[in-house]
N, C-alpha and C. Protein backbone atom coordinates (compact mmCIF):
# COMPACT_ATOMS: atom_id res chain seq x y z
N UNK A 1 33.18 18.34 -7.85
CA UNK A 1 34.43 17.86 -8.56
C UNK A 1 34.44 17.81 -10.05
N UNK A 2 35.62 18.80 -10.59
CA UNK A 2 35.50 19.20 -12.06
C UNK A 2 35.97 17.89 -13.02
N UNK A 3 35.24 17.89 -13.94
CA UNK A 3 35.62 17.00 -14.95
C UNK A 3 36.91 17.04 -15.34
N UNK A 4 37.58 16.12 -16.04
CA UNK A 4 39.11 16.51 -16.96
C UNK A 4 38.78 17.63 -17.70
N UNK A 5 37.75 17.71 -18.39
CA UNK A 5 37.51 18.53 -19.65
C UNK A 5 37.23 20.14 -19.05
N UNK A 6 36.59 20.14 -17.94
CA UNK A 6 36.30 21.39 -17.33
C UNK A 6 37.82 21.86 -16.69
N UNK A 7 38.33 20.85 -16.26
CA UNK A 7 39.93 21.56 -15.76
C UNK A 7 40.89 22.01 -16.59
N UNK A 8 40.55 21.25 -17.72
CA UNK A 8 41.49 21.70 -18.93
C UNK A 8 41.02 23.24 -19.43
N UNK A 9 39.66 23.24 -19.38
CA UNK A 9 39.40 24.39 -19.95
C UNK A 9 39.64 25.75 -18.95
N UNK A 10 39.27 25.45 -17.73
CA UNK A 10 39.78 26.14 -16.61
C UNK A 10 41.24 26.93 -16.60
N UNK A 11 42.18 25.70 -16.93
CA UNK A 11 43.58 25.98 -16.89
C UNK A 11 44.00 26.86 -18.06
N UNK A 12 43.49 26.52 -19.34
CA UNK A 12 43.66 27.37 -20.21
C UNK A 12 43.27 28.45 -20.33
N UNK A 13 42.23 29.08 -19.41
CA UNK A 13 41.73 30.32 -19.09
C UNK A 13 42.88 30.84 -18.26
N UNK A 14 43.43 30.16 -17.30
CA UNK A 14 44.55 30.76 -16.57
C UNK A 14 45.66 31.23 -17.30
N UNK A 15 45.87 30.52 -18.20
CA UNK A 15 47.17 30.76 -19.22
C UNK A 15 46.89 31.37 -20.17
N UNK A 16 45.50 31.98 -20.42
CA UNK A 16 45.30 32.61 -21.70
C UNK A 16 45.96 34.04 -21.60
N UNK A 17 46.60 34.63 -22.84
CA UNK A 17 47.22 35.59 -22.94
C UNK A 17 46.44 37.02 -22.86
N UNK A 18 45.14 36.92 -23.25
CA UNK A 18 44.21 38.07 -22.64
C UNK A 18 43.19 37.84 -21.88
N UNK A 19 43.53 37.01 -20.77
CA UNK A 19 42.81 36.61 -19.68
C UNK A 19 42.24 37.95 -19.09
N UNK A 20 40.83 37.61 -18.76
CA UNK A 20 40.03 38.97 -17.91
C UNK A 20 40.14 40.28 -18.64
N UNK A 21 39.97 39.98 -20.05
CA UNK A 21 39.93 41.22 -20.74
C UNK A 21 39.09 41.13 -22.27
N UNK A 22 38.26 42.20 -22.00
CA UNK A 22 37.05 42.13 -23.10
C UNK A 22 37.13 43.32 -24.07
N UNK A 23 36.92 43.18 -25.55
CA UNK A 23 36.80 44.55 -26.41
C UNK A 23 35.52 44.40 -27.16
N UNK A 24 34.76 45.59 -27.05
CA UNK A 24 33.39 45.64 -27.46
C UNK A 24 33.75 46.22 -28.95
N UNK A 25 33.19 45.64 -29.91
CA UNK A 25 33.45 46.18 -31.30
C UNK A 25 32.00 46.82 -31.57
N UNK A 26 32.23 47.95 -32.09
CA UNK A 26 30.75 48.67 -32.72
C UNK A 26 31.07 49.35 -33.86
N UNK A 27 29.89 49.60 -34.51
CA UNK A 27 29.96 50.09 -35.83
C UNK A 27 28.73 49.58 -36.65
N UNK A 28 28.20 50.36 -37.50
CA UNK A 28 26.93 50.30 -38.22
C UNK A 28 27.31 49.23 -39.57
N UNK A 29 26.26 48.93 -40.12
CA UNK A 29 26.74 48.22 -41.53
C UNK A 29 27.36 48.97 -42.37
N UNK A 30 28.36 48.25 -43.12
CA UNK A 30 29.12 48.76 -43.93
C UNK A 30 30.30 49.40 -43.22
N UNK A 31 30.56 49.41 -41.96
CA UNK A 31 31.59 50.20 -41.29
C UNK A 31 33.12 49.70 -41.30
N UNK A 32 32.88 48.21 -41.78
CA UNK A 32 34.16 47.55 -42.08
C UNK A 32 34.71 46.88 -40.67
N UNK A 33 33.87 46.45 -39.79
CA UNK A 33 34.36 45.91 -38.63
C UNK A 33 34.96 44.70 -38.70
N UNK A 34 34.86 43.57 -39.79
CA UNK A 34 35.43 42.53 -40.02
C UNK A 34 36.90 42.82 -40.49
N UNK A 35 36.92 43.84 -41.37
CA UNK A 35 38.25 44.22 -41.80
C UNK A 35 39.09 44.73 -40.64
N UNK A 36 38.58 45.60 -39.84
CA UNK A 36 39.28 45.92 -38.43
C UNK A 36 39.92 44.72 -37.78
N UNK A 37 38.95 44.03 -37.22
CA UNK A 37 39.19 42.81 -36.56
C UNK A 37 40.44 42.04 -36.99
N UNK A 38 40.47 41.76 -38.44
CA UNK A 38 41.58 41.23 -39.01
C UNK A 38 42.81 41.97 -39.09
N UNK A 39 42.77 43.36 -39.25
CA UNK A 39 43.90 44.15 -39.08
C UNK A 39 44.39 44.04 -37.67
N UNK A 40 43.55 44.24 -36.67
CA UNK A 40 44.21 44.32 -35.34
C UNK A 40 44.58 43.14 -34.74
N UNK A 41 44.35 41.71 -35.63
CA UNK A 41 44.53 40.46 -35.06
C UNK A 41 44.39 40.08 -33.65
N UNK A 42 43.08 40.57 -33.35
CA UNK A 42 42.38 40.25 -32.11
C UNK A 42 42.43 38.79 -31.86
N UNK A 43 42.31 38.04 -32.88
CA UNK A 43 42.06 36.34 -32.53
C UNK A 43 43.48 35.96 -32.28
N UNK A 44 44.38 36.56 -32.93
CA UNK A 44 45.89 36.12 -32.85
C UNK A 44 46.14 36.49 -31.43
N UNK A 45 45.80 37.42 -30.82
CA UNK A 45 46.11 37.89 -29.59
C UNK A 45 45.61 37.04 -28.44
N UNK A 46 44.81 36.07 -28.79
CA UNK A 46 44.11 35.25 -28.03
C UNK A 46 42.48 35.30 -27.52
N UNK A 47 41.99 36.43 -27.99
CA UNK A 47 40.67 36.67 -28.07
C UNK A 47 39.64 35.91 -28.58
N UNK A 48 38.57 35.46 -28.11
CA UNK A 48 37.44 34.81 -28.67
C UNK A 48 36.49 35.86 -29.27
N UNK A 49 36.26 35.38 -30.50
CA UNK A 49 35.34 36.51 -31.13
C UNK A 49 33.73 35.82 -30.87
N UNK A 50 33.11 36.71 -30.30
CA UNK A 50 31.52 36.50 -29.95
C UNK A 50 30.84 37.33 -31.10
N UNK A 51 30.18 36.34 -32.13
CA UNK A 51 29.56 37.34 -33.15
C UNK A 51 28.27 36.26 -33.67
N UNK A 52 27.25 36.76 -33.50
CA UNK A 52 26.08 36.02 -33.86
C UNK A 52 25.94 35.92 -35.37
N UNK A 53 26.59 36.69 -36.00
CA UNK A 53 26.41 36.79 -37.42
C UNK A 53 26.92 35.35 -38.16
N UNK A 54 28.21 35.03 -37.41
CA UNK A 54 28.88 33.61 -37.89
C UNK A 54 28.06 32.58 -37.82
N UNK A 55 27.25 32.37 -36.75
CA UNK A 55 26.30 31.42 -36.58
C UNK A 55 25.04 31.39 -37.22
N UNK A 56 24.85 32.79 -37.67
CA UNK A 56 23.44 33.02 -38.45
C UNK A 56 23.82 32.38 -39.92
N UNK A 57 24.98 32.85 -40.09
CA UNK A 57 25.04 32.73 -41.81
C UNK A 57 25.56 31.12 -42.01
N UNK A 58 25.90 30.49 -41.14
CA UNK A 58 26.15 28.97 -41.22
C UNK A 58 24.77 28.27 -41.39
N UNK A 59 23.87 29.09 -40.31
CA UNK A 59 22.38 28.35 -40.13
C UNK A 59 21.68 28.45 -41.60
N UNK A 60 21.96 29.80 -42.08
CA UNK A 60 20.87 30.33 -43.09
C UNK A 60 21.41 29.29 -44.43
N UNK A 61 22.68 29.14 -44.53
CA UNK A 61 23.32 27.91 -45.56
C UNK A 61 22.86 26.50 -45.10
N UNK A 62 22.94 26.14 -44.28
CA UNK A 62 22.37 25.05 -43.74
C UNK A 62 20.88 24.75 -44.11
N UNK A 63 20.17 25.86 -44.07
CA UNK A 63 18.64 25.81 -44.18
C UNK A 63 18.34 25.97 -45.74
N UNK A 64 19.48 26.19 -46.57
CA UNK A 64 19.13 26.31 -48.21
C UNK A 64 18.79 27.79 -48.35
N UNK A 65 18.90 28.76 -47.26
CA UNK A 65 18.42 30.07 -47.45
C UNK A 65 19.62 30.98 -47.79
N UNK A 66 19.43 32.20 -48.62
CA UNK A 66 20.47 33.17 -48.86
C UNK A 66 20.36 34.09 -47.95
N UNK A 67 21.32 35.12 -48.08
CA UNK A 67 21.47 36.28 -47.24
C UNK A 67 20.79 37.51 -47.87
N UNK A 68 19.86 37.31 -48.60
CA UNK A 68 19.11 38.36 -48.90
C UNK A 68 18.23 38.72 -48.11
N UNK A 69 17.46 40.08 -48.10
CA UNK A 69 16.60 40.60 -47.13
C UNK A 69 15.29 39.76 -47.00
N UNK A 70 15.01 39.20 -47.93
CA UNK A 70 13.53 38.48 -48.24
C UNK A 70 13.73 37.05 -47.41
N UNK A 71 14.76 36.31 -47.60
CA UNK A 71 15.18 35.25 -46.57
C UNK A 71 15.41 35.36 -45.32
N UNK A 72 16.04 36.45 -45.02
CA UNK A 72 16.27 36.80 -43.87
C UNK A 72 15.13 37.17 -42.92
N UNK A 73 14.16 37.71 -43.43
CA UNK A 73 12.81 38.32 -43.24
C UNK A 73 11.80 37.08 -42.68
N UNK A 74 12.21 36.00 -43.51
CA UNK A 74 11.12 34.88 -43.57
C UNK A 74 11.11 34.19 -42.26
N UNK A 75 10.02 33.65 -42.13
CA UNK A 75 9.78 32.93 -40.64
C UNK A 75 11.00 31.80 -40.41
N UNK A 76 11.17 31.10 -41.56
CA UNK A 76 12.53 30.34 -41.42
C UNK A 76 13.96 30.90 -40.96
N UNK A 77 13.95 32.18 -41.82
CA UNK A 77 15.21 33.34 -41.58
C UNK A 77 15.15 33.40 -40.08
N UNK A 78 14.14 33.81 -39.61
CA UNK A 78 14.09 34.48 -38.09
C UNK A 78 14.22 33.21 -37.10
N UNK A 79 13.79 32.17 -37.51
CA UNK A 79 14.19 31.00 -36.69
C UNK A 79 15.52 30.55 -36.48
N UNK A 80 16.28 30.64 -37.68
CA UNK A 80 17.79 30.42 -37.72
C UNK A 80 18.43 31.46 -37.12
N UNK A 81 17.78 32.88 -37.11
CA UNK A 81 18.37 33.92 -36.10
C UNK A 81 18.42 33.79 -34.72
N UNK A 82 17.10 33.38 -34.29
CA UNK A 82 16.99 33.06 -32.80
C UNK A 82 17.67 31.84 -32.42
N UNK A 83 18.13 30.84 -33.26
CA UNK A 83 18.93 29.73 -33.02
C UNK A 83 20.49 30.25 -32.95
N UNK A 84 20.76 31.08 -33.98
CA UNK A 84 22.27 31.66 -33.83
C UNK A 84 22.41 32.47 -32.47
N UNK A 85 21.53 33.17 -31.83
CA UNK A 85 21.76 33.79 -30.64
C UNK A 85 21.78 32.95 -29.80
N UNK A 86 21.27 31.57 -29.55
CA UNK A 86 21.51 30.81 -28.47
C UNK A 86 22.62 30.20 -28.58
N UNK A 87 23.20 29.75 -29.86
CA UNK A 87 24.46 29.16 -30.03
C UNK A 87 25.51 30.23 -29.61
N UNK A 88 25.57 31.65 -29.89
CA UNK A 88 26.36 32.51 -29.74
C UNK A 88 26.47 32.84 -28.08
N UNK A 89 25.29 32.72 -27.43
CA UNK A 89 25.27 32.65 -25.91
C UNK A 89 26.16 31.51 -25.44
N UNK A 90 25.92 30.56 -25.90
CA UNK A 90 26.70 29.06 -25.08
C UNK A 90 28.22 29.34 -25.22
N UNK A 91 28.68 30.04 -26.49
CA UNK A 91 29.80 30.03 -26.90
C UNK A 91 30.57 31.18 -25.83
N UNK A 92 29.76 32.21 -25.60
CA UNK A 92 30.22 33.29 -24.64
C UNK A 92 30.22 32.84 -23.10
N UNK A 93 29.32 31.94 -22.74
CA UNK A 93 29.34 31.13 -21.43
C UNK A 93 30.65 30.36 -21.27
N UNK A 94 31.09 29.59 -22.44
CA UNK A 94 32.04 28.91 -22.32
C UNK A 94 33.46 29.68 -22.23
N UNK A 95 33.36 30.72 -22.90
CA UNK A 95 34.57 31.56 -22.92
C UNK A 95 34.71 32.18 -21.34
N UNK A 96 33.66 32.74 -21.04
CA UNK A 96 33.68 33.33 -19.69
C UNK A 96 33.80 32.53 -18.48
N UNK A 97 33.67 31.32 -18.57
CA UNK A 97 33.99 30.19 -17.56
C UNK A 97 35.60 30.14 -17.36
N UNK A 98 36.41 29.91 -18.44
CA UNK A 98 37.47 30.03 -18.24
C UNK A 98 38.38 31.54 -18.28
N UNK A 99 37.32 32.53 -18.10
CA UNK A 99 37.72 34.08 -18.10
C UNK A 99 38.73 34.28 -19.17
N UNK A 100 38.36 33.53 -20.37
CA UNK A 100 39.19 34.08 -21.57
C UNK A 100 38.59 35.59 -21.96
N UNK A 101 39.73 36.00 -22.73
CA UNK A 101 39.48 37.42 -23.53
C UNK A 101 38.36 37.02 -24.57
N UNK A 102 37.77 37.95 -24.60
CA UNK A 102 36.48 38.04 -25.70
C UNK A 102 36.36 39.31 -26.35
N UNK A 103 36.01 39.09 -27.79
CA UNK A 103 35.50 40.35 -28.34
C UNK A 103 34.04 40.29 -28.65
N UNK A 104 33.38 41.09 -28.14
CA UNK A 104 31.96 41.24 -28.51
C UNK A 104 31.66 42.08 -29.59
N UNK A 105 31.15 41.31 -30.55
CA UNK A 105 31.09 42.19 -31.89
C UNK A 105 29.61 42.43 -32.13
N UNK A 106 29.33 43.69 -32.36
CA UNK A 106 28.00 44.23 -32.53
C UNK A 106 27.95 45.45 -33.20
N UNK A 107 26.65 45.88 -33.67
CA UNK A 107 26.55 47.21 -34.40
C UNK A 107 26.80 48.51 -33.36
N UNK A 108 26.34 48.33 -31.83
CA UNK A 108 26.44 49.41 -30.94
C UNK A 108 25.14 50.23 -31.14
N UNK A 109 24.17 49.81 -31.79
CA UNK A 109 23.15 50.66 -31.85
C UNK A 109 22.05 50.76 -30.49
N UNK A 110 21.99 49.48 -29.87
CA UNK A 110 21.52 49.33 -28.57
C UNK A 110 22.39 49.62 -27.40
N UNK A 111 22.44 50.81 -26.77
CA UNK A 111 23.49 51.10 -25.82
C UNK A 111 22.92 50.44 -24.51
N UNK A 112 21.90 50.15 -24.26
CA UNK A 112 21.31 49.42 -22.96
C UNK A 112 21.89 48.10 -22.84
N UNK A 113 21.87 47.30 -24.10
CA UNK A 113 22.27 45.98 -24.15
C UNK A 113 23.91 45.91 -23.63
N UNK A 114 24.74 46.92 -24.47
CA UNK A 114 26.22 46.85 -24.38
C UNK A 114 26.45 47.24 -22.84
N UNK A 115 25.66 48.07 -22.37
CA UNK A 115 25.94 48.70 -20.86
C UNK A 115 25.62 47.23 -19.84
N UNK A 116 24.73 46.69 -20.14
CA UNK A 116 24.39 45.49 -19.11
C UNK A 116 25.44 44.52 -19.43
N UNK A 117 25.97 44.31 -20.64
CA UNK A 117 27.04 43.27 -20.68
C UNK A 117 28.37 43.98 -20.41
N UNK A 118 28.54 45.05 -20.34
CA UNK A 118 29.96 45.63 -19.67
C UNK A 118 29.79 45.60 -18.20
N UNK A 119 28.65 45.95 -17.58
CA UNK A 119 28.50 45.73 -16.44
C UNK A 119 28.83 44.44 -15.65
N UNK A 120 28.18 43.46 -16.49
CA UNK A 120 28.40 41.91 -16.18
C UNK A 120 29.90 41.56 -16.11
N UNK A 121 30.52 42.02 -17.32
CA UNK A 121 31.93 41.74 -17.10
C UNK A 121 32.83 42.39 -16.27
N UNK A 122 32.53 43.44 -16.08
CA UNK A 122 33.37 44.33 -14.75
C UNK A 122 32.85 43.58 -13.46
N UNK A 123 31.72 43.04 -13.32
CA UNK A 123 31.39 42.40 -11.94
C UNK A 123 32.33 40.91 -11.91
N UNK A 124 32.65 40.53 -13.09
CA UNK A 124 33.47 39.16 -13.13
C UNK A 124 34.88 39.75 -12.94
N UNK A 125 35.29 40.97 -13.01
CA UNK A 125 36.74 41.17 -12.84
C UNK A 125 37.26 41.57 -14.34
N UNK A 126 36.50 41.59 -15.43
CA UNK A 126 37.08 41.98 -16.49
C UNK A 126 37.48 43.64 -16.60
N UNK A 127 38.48 43.92 -17.49
CA UNK A 127 38.82 45.12 -17.97
C UNK A 127 38.15 45.15 -19.10
N UNK A 128 37.56 46.28 -19.45
CA UNK A 128 36.66 46.35 -21.01
C UNK A 128 37.37 47.54 -21.72
N UNK A 129 37.41 47.20 -23.06
CA UNK A 129 37.71 48.36 -24.15
C UNK A 129 36.60 48.40 -25.00
N UNK A 130 36.57 49.43 -25.78
CA UNK A 130 35.82 49.43 -27.07
C UNK A 130 36.54 49.80 -28.27
N UNK A 131 36.36 49.50 -29.36
CA UNK A 131 36.87 49.74 -30.64
C UNK A 131 35.76 50.10 -31.53
N UNK A 132 35.62 51.54 -31.69
CA UNK A 132 34.46 51.83 -32.50
C UNK A 132 34.93 52.17 -33.78
N UNK A 133 34.58 51.57 -34.83
CA UNK A 133 34.74 51.75 -36.28
C UNK A 133 33.69 52.61 -36.79
N UNK A 134 34.30 53.94 -37.06
CA UNK A 134 33.48 54.99 -37.67
C UNK A 134 33.53 55.02 -39.14
N UNK A 135 32.43 55.49 -39.71
CA UNK A 135 32.30 55.72 -41.15
C UNK A 135 31.23 57.07 -41.13
N UNK A 136 31.44 57.61 -42.56
CA UNK A 136 30.41 58.52 -42.61
C UNK A 136 29.15 57.54 -43.42
N UNK A 137 27.81 58.24 -43.50
CA UNK A 137 27.11 57.77 -43.88
C UNK A 137 27.09 57.21 -45.49
N UNK A 138 27.70 58.24 -46.21
CA UNK A 138 27.68 57.86 -47.56
C UNK A 138 28.69 56.37 -47.95
N UNK A 139 29.68 56.49 -47.24
CA UNK A 139 30.51 55.23 -47.32
C UNK A 139 29.85 54.11 -46.77
N UNK A 140 29.14 54.25 -45.64
CA UNK A 140 28.42 53.02 -45.02
C UNK A 140 27.47 52.37 -46.08
N UNK A 141 26.73 53.31 -46.73
CA UNK A 141 25.66 52.80 -47.90
C UNK A 141 26.34 52.24 -48.91
N UNK A 142 27.51 52.81 -49.59
CA UNK A 142 28.07 52.18 -50.48
C UNK A 142 28.70 50.89 -50.22
N UNK A 143 29.39 50.77 -49.25
CA UNK A 143 29.96 49.46 -48.78
C UNK A 143 28.81 48.30 -48.61
N UNK A 144 27.73 48.91 -47.96
CA UNK A 144 26.62 47.96 -47.86
C UNK A 144 26.06 47.27 -48.71
N UNK A 145 25.94 48.04 -49.84
CA UNK A 145 25.35 47.62 -51.23
C UNK A 145 26.17 46.86 -51.97
N UNK A 146 27.72 46.78 -51.51
CA UNK A 146 28.49 45.76 -52.22
C UNK A 146 28.66 44.54 -51.39
N UNK A 147 27.86 44.66 -50.26
CA UNK A 147 28.05 43.24 -49.37
C UNK A 147 27.22 42.08 -49.78
N UNK A 148 27.58 40.90 -49.74
CA UNK A 148 26.78 39.62 -50.05
C UNK A 148 25.32 39.65 -49.14
N UNK A 149 25.70 40.22 -48.00
CA UNK A 149 24.32 40.29 -47.03
C UNK A 149 24.04 41.69 -46.82
N UNK A 150 23.58 42.50 -47.79
CA UNK A 150 23.10 43.87 -47.76
C UNK A 150 21.71 44.21 -47.33
N UNK A 151 21.83 45.20 -46.83
CA UNK A 151 20.57 45.64 -45.95
C UNK A 151 19.80 46.85 -46.95
N UNK A 152 18.57 46.96 -46.72
CA UNK A 152 17.79 48.19 -47.31
C UNK A 152 18.44 49.39 -47.09
N UNK A 153 18.49 50.39 -48.13
CA UNK A 153 19.19 51.64 -47.74
C UNK A 153 18.47 52.38 -46.53
N UNK A 154 17.26 52.40 -46.31
CA UNK A 154 16.60 52.76 -45.26
C UNK A 154 16.85 52.37 -44.02
N UNK A 155 17.23 51.03 -44.03
CA UNK A 155 17.69 50.42 -42.71
C UNK A 155 18.82 50.71 -42.47
N UNK A 156 20.04 50.66 -43.31
CA UNK A 156 20.99 51.32 -43.09
C UNK A 156 21.19 52.68 -42.52
N UNK A 157 20.50 53.63 -43.11
CA UNK A 157 20.68 54.97 -42.72
C UNK A 157 20.02 55.09 -41.23
N UNK A 158 18.96 54.29 -40.86
CA UNK A 158 18.34 54.17 -39.49
C UNK A 158 19.52 53.73 -38.47
N UNK A 159 20.11 52.80 -38.89
CA UNK A 159 20.84 52.00 -38.06
C UNK A 159 22.25 53.01 -37.72
N UNK A 160 22.69 53.63 -38.90
CA UNK A 160 24.06 54.50 -38.73
C UNK A 160 23.54 55.69 -37.82
N UNK A 161 22.36 56.17 -38.02
CA UNK A 161 21.83 57.34 -36.89
C UNK A 161 21.95 56.83 -35.53
N UNK A 162 21.40 55.45 -35.35
CA UNK A 162 21.30 54.99 -34.06
C UNK A 162 22.62 54.92 -33.45
N UNK A 163 23.65 54.52 -34.18
CA UNK A 163 25.13 54.26 -33.80
C UNK A 163 25.58 55.59 -33.44
N UNK A 164 25.73 56.31 -34.46
CA UNK A 164 26.35 57.70 -34.24
C UNK A 164 25.52 58.51 -33.02
N UNK A 165 24.34 58.26 -32.48
CA UNK A 165 23.74 58.79 -31.47
C UNK A 165 24.36 58.26 -29.98
N UNK A 166 25.00 57.08 -30.25
CA UNK A 166 25.44 56.47 -28.96
C UNK A 166 27.06 56.82 -28.59
N UNK A 167 27.59 57.28 -29.62
CA UNK A 167 28.98 57.66 -29.34
C UNK A 167 29.29 58.31 -28.32
N UNK A 168 28.71 59.61 -27.57
CA UNK A 168 28.78 60.16 -26.60
C UNK A 168 28.59 59.23 -25.19
N UNK A 169 27.63 58.20 -25.39
CA UNK A 169 27.38 57.40 -24.25
C UNK A 169 28.26 56.56 -24.00
N UNK A 170 29.09 56.05 -25.28
CA UNK A 170 30.18 55.12 -25.25
C UNK A 170 31.39 55.67 -24.51
N UNK A 171 31.59 57.03 -24.97
CA UNK A 171 32.63 57.58 -24.39
C UNK A 171 32.63 57.62 -22.96
N UNK A 172 31.40 57.99 -22.30
CA UNK A 172 31.43 58.13 -20.71
C UNK A 172 31.48 56.73 -20.26
N UNK A 173 31.17 55.49 -20.94
CA UNK A 173 31.04 54.37 -20.32
C UNK A 173 32.46 53.72 -20.28
N UNK A 174 33.08 53.87 -21.42
CA UNK A 174 34.52 53.35 -21.67
C UNK A 174 35.58 54.25 -21.37
N UNK A 175 35.54 55.67 -21.41
CA UNK A 175 36.22 56.67 -21.11
C UNK A 175 37.63 56.53 -21.80
N UNK A 176 38.72 56.76 -21.25
CA UNK A 176 39.96 56.37 -21.87
C UNK A 176 40.28 55.29 -22.36
N UNK A 177 39.30 54.11 -22.59
CA UNK A 177 39.53 53.05 -23.10
C UNK A 177 38.56 52.71 -24.26
N UNK A 178 38.21 53.86 -24.82
CA UNK A 178 37.39 53.65 -26.22
C UNK A 178 38.45 54.06 -27.35
N UNK A 179 38.64 53.31 -28.36
CA UNK A 179 39.41 53.64 -29.57
C UNK A 179 38.55 53.94 -30.77
N UNK A 180 38.64 54.92 -31.21
CA UNK A 180 37.73 55.15 -32.54
C UNK A 180 38.79 55.18 -33.83
N UNK A 181 38.49 54.09 -34.86
CA UNK A 181 38.86 53.92 -35.88
C UNK A 181 38.20 54.58 -36.98
N UNK A 182 38.53 55.50 -37.84
CA UNK A 182 37.92 55.77 -38.92
C UNK A 182 38.00 55.13 -40.16
N UNK A 183 36.96 54.84 -40.66
CA UNK A 183 37.37 53.96 -41.80
C UNK A 183 36.32 54.65 -42.89
N UNK A 184 36.09 55.75 -42.92
CA UNK A 184 35.65 56.43 -43.89
C UNK A 184 36.29 56.37 -45.14
N UNK A 185 35.62 56.41 -46.52
CA UNK A 185 36.76 56.43 -47.61
C UNK A 185 37.51 57.66 -47.68
N UNK A 186 38.76 57.31 -47.84
CA UNK A 186 39.66 58.39 -47.87
C UNK A 186 40.45 58.66 -46.69
N UNK A 187 40.24 57.68 -45.67
CA UNK A 187 40.78 57.91 -44.30
C UNK A 187 42.20 57.05 -44.23
N UNK A 188 43.01 57.23 -43.44
CA UNK A 188 44.43 56.41 -43.50
C UNK A 188 44.00 55.35 -42.56
N UNK A 189 43.11 54.24 -43.01
CA UNK A 189 42.91 53.14 -42.13
C UNK A 189 43.90 52.05 -42.02
N UNK A 190 45.08 52.20 -42.65
CA UNK A 190 46.25 51.49 -42.25
C UNK A 190 46.89 51.87 -40.96
N UNK A 191 46.99 53.20 -40.93
CA UNK A 191 47.56 53.88 -39.72
C UNK A 191 46.75 53.74 -38.55
N UNK A 192 45.32 53.96 -38.85
CA UNK A 192 44.47 53.76 -37.43
C UNK A 192 44.60 52.44 -36.97
N UNK A 193 44.40 51.47 -37.85
CA UNK A 193 44.41 49.88 -37.60
C UNK A 193 45.41 49.69 -36.76
N UNK A 194 46.75 49.95 -37.36
CA UNK A 194 48.14 49.75 -36.72
C UNK A 194 48.26 50.32 -35.23
N UNK A 195 47.63 51.36 -35.28
CA UNK A 195 47.78 52.11 -33.69
C UNK A 195 47.04 51.31 -32.61
N UNK A 196 45.85 50.96 -33.33
CA UNK A 196 44.81 50.06 -32.59
C UNK A 196 45.37 48.89 -32.17
N UNK A 197 46.09 48.31 -32.95
CA UNK A 197 46.59 46.98 -32.96
C UNK A 197 47.75 47.20 -31.90
N UNK A 198 48.89 48.01 -31.81
CA UNK A 198 49.92 48.24 -30.89
C UNK A 198 49.38 48.58 -29.50
N UNK A 199 48.27 49.24 -29.34
CA UNK A 199 47.59 49.62 -28.19
C UNK A 199 46.87 48.18 -27.37
N UNK A 200 46.35 47.52 -28.18
CA UNK A 200 45.42 46.37 -28.05
C UNK A 200 46.66 45.21 -27.26
N UNK A 201 47.50 45.20 -28.14
CA UNK A 201 48.63 44.15 -28.10
C UNK A 201 49.25 44.45 -26.59
N UNK A 202 49.73 45.66 -26.42
CA UNK A 202 50.22 46.00 -25.29
C UNK A 202 49.28 45.80 -23.99
N UNK A 203 47.98 46.10 -24.29
CA UNK A 203 47.16 46.06 -22.98
C UNK A 203 46.82 44.48 -22.90
N UNK A 204 46.64 43.93 -23.87
CA UNK A 204 46.17 42.15 -23.64
C UNK A 204 47.47 41.66 -22.96
N UNK A 205 48.80 42.09 -23.05
CA UNK A 205 49.94 41.37 -22.47
C UNK A 205 50.05 41.63 -20.96
N UNK A 206 49.30 42.49 -20.72
CA UNK A 206 49.46 43.09 -19.06
C UNK A 206 48.54 41.83 -18.28
N UNK A 207 49.27 41.81 -16.84
CA UNK A 207 48.39 40.86 -16.04
C UNK A 207 47.06 41.74 -15.74
N UNK A 208 46.21 40.96 -15.30
CA UNK A 208 44.82 41.57 -14.72
C UNK A 208 45.29 42.22 -13.46
N UNK A 209 44.82 43.46 -13.35
CA UNK A 209 44.95 44.29 -12.11
C UNK A 209 43.80 44.52 -11.22
N UNK A 210 42.81 44.01 -11.66
CA UNK A 210 41.22 43.95 -10.60
C UNK A 210 41.35 42.82 -9.66
N UNK A 211 41.17 43.03 -8.32
CA UNK A 211 41.26 42.10 -7.15
C UNK A 211 40.40 40.93 -7.75
N UNK A 212 39.10 41.17 -8.21
CA UNK A 212 38.53 39.94 -8.42
C UNK A 212 39.28 38.95 -9.16
N UNK A 213 39.82 39.48 -10.39
CA UNK A 213 40.47 38.72 -11.08
C UNK A 213 41.63 37.95 -10.72
N UNK A 214 42.27 38.68 -9.95
CA UNK A 214 43.59 38.15 -9.22
C UNK A 214 43.07 37.22 -8.24
N UNK A 215 42.13 37.29 -7.59
CA UNK A 215 41.83 36.18 -6.71
C UNK A 215 41.54 34.98 -7.19
N UNK A 216 40.55 35.10 -8.50
CA UNK A 216 40.03 34.04 -9.21
C UNK A 216 41.23 33.16 -9.64
N UNK A 217 42.30 33.90 -10.49
CA UNK A 217 43.58 33.22 -10.74
C UNK A 217 44.21 32.46 -9.79
N UNK A 218 44.56 33.11 -8.62
CA UNK A 218 45.00 32.46 -7.26
C UNK A 218 44.24 31.18 -7.14
N UNK A 219 43.01 31.23 -7.06
CA UNK A 219 42.18 30.17 -6.58
C UNK A 219 42.11 28.82 -7.62
N UNK A 220 42.42 29.32 -8.85
CA UNK A 220 42.55 28.23 -9.84
C UNK A 220 43.76 27.58 -9.73
N UNK A 221 44.87 28.41 -9.60
CA UNK A 221 46.21 27.80 -9.61
C UNK A 221 46.36 26.91 -8.26
N UNK A 222 45.70 27.43 -7.06
CA UNK A 222 45.93 26.55 -5.97
C UNK A 222 45.18 25.17 -6.13
N UNK A 223 43.84 25.29 -6.93
CA UNK A 223 42.98 23.92 -7.06
C UNK A 223 43.46 23.12 -8.04
N UNK A 224 44.40 23.82 -8.99
CA UNK A 224 44.99 22.95 -10.24
C UNK A 224 45.58 21.96 -9.92
């Protein structure tokens, strides 16, 4: 028997505007993913943002650490990172319990992890998209150096190459459900993000088509 809190959470999921939809966000350091998230209004469309950086930065501040590389690489900094991942995992689990729409924010450098998450979500009945925020290396390094939590240049260069290497794999995994936003210096980012917003808004408003999702919703409504 469900508790009242569990019942409310599940019914919120049934009525969630972006139910059974997931957006994977990929792009290396300095790509401007946070800017694109704001411009595409994903949170306003009902998506829950799953990003371990949020919990990590809060944890660093609470521990009296800064976001410089030395503090992050310290034993205490790595303990905070591990704790942040646990917290983020719990947030993800809570969102998926109600089949809420989620935005999984990451760099995209580890294809295997994203593939595993995509498969898991599809097994639950989710439709999945990817927004890939692309930049040239020069832009990425310049923006990274202007961030409060900047990374060493060699690390940015390595991560940028790893992310670029996965573009073809992501295109095969997401097919026509992959949106590439060019956020390099000089690109028309306003136009690109507006197009992405319109596309995601239209898609998010559509009812789920997957039979697993449809049956889950019917079951929740029947038991509600």
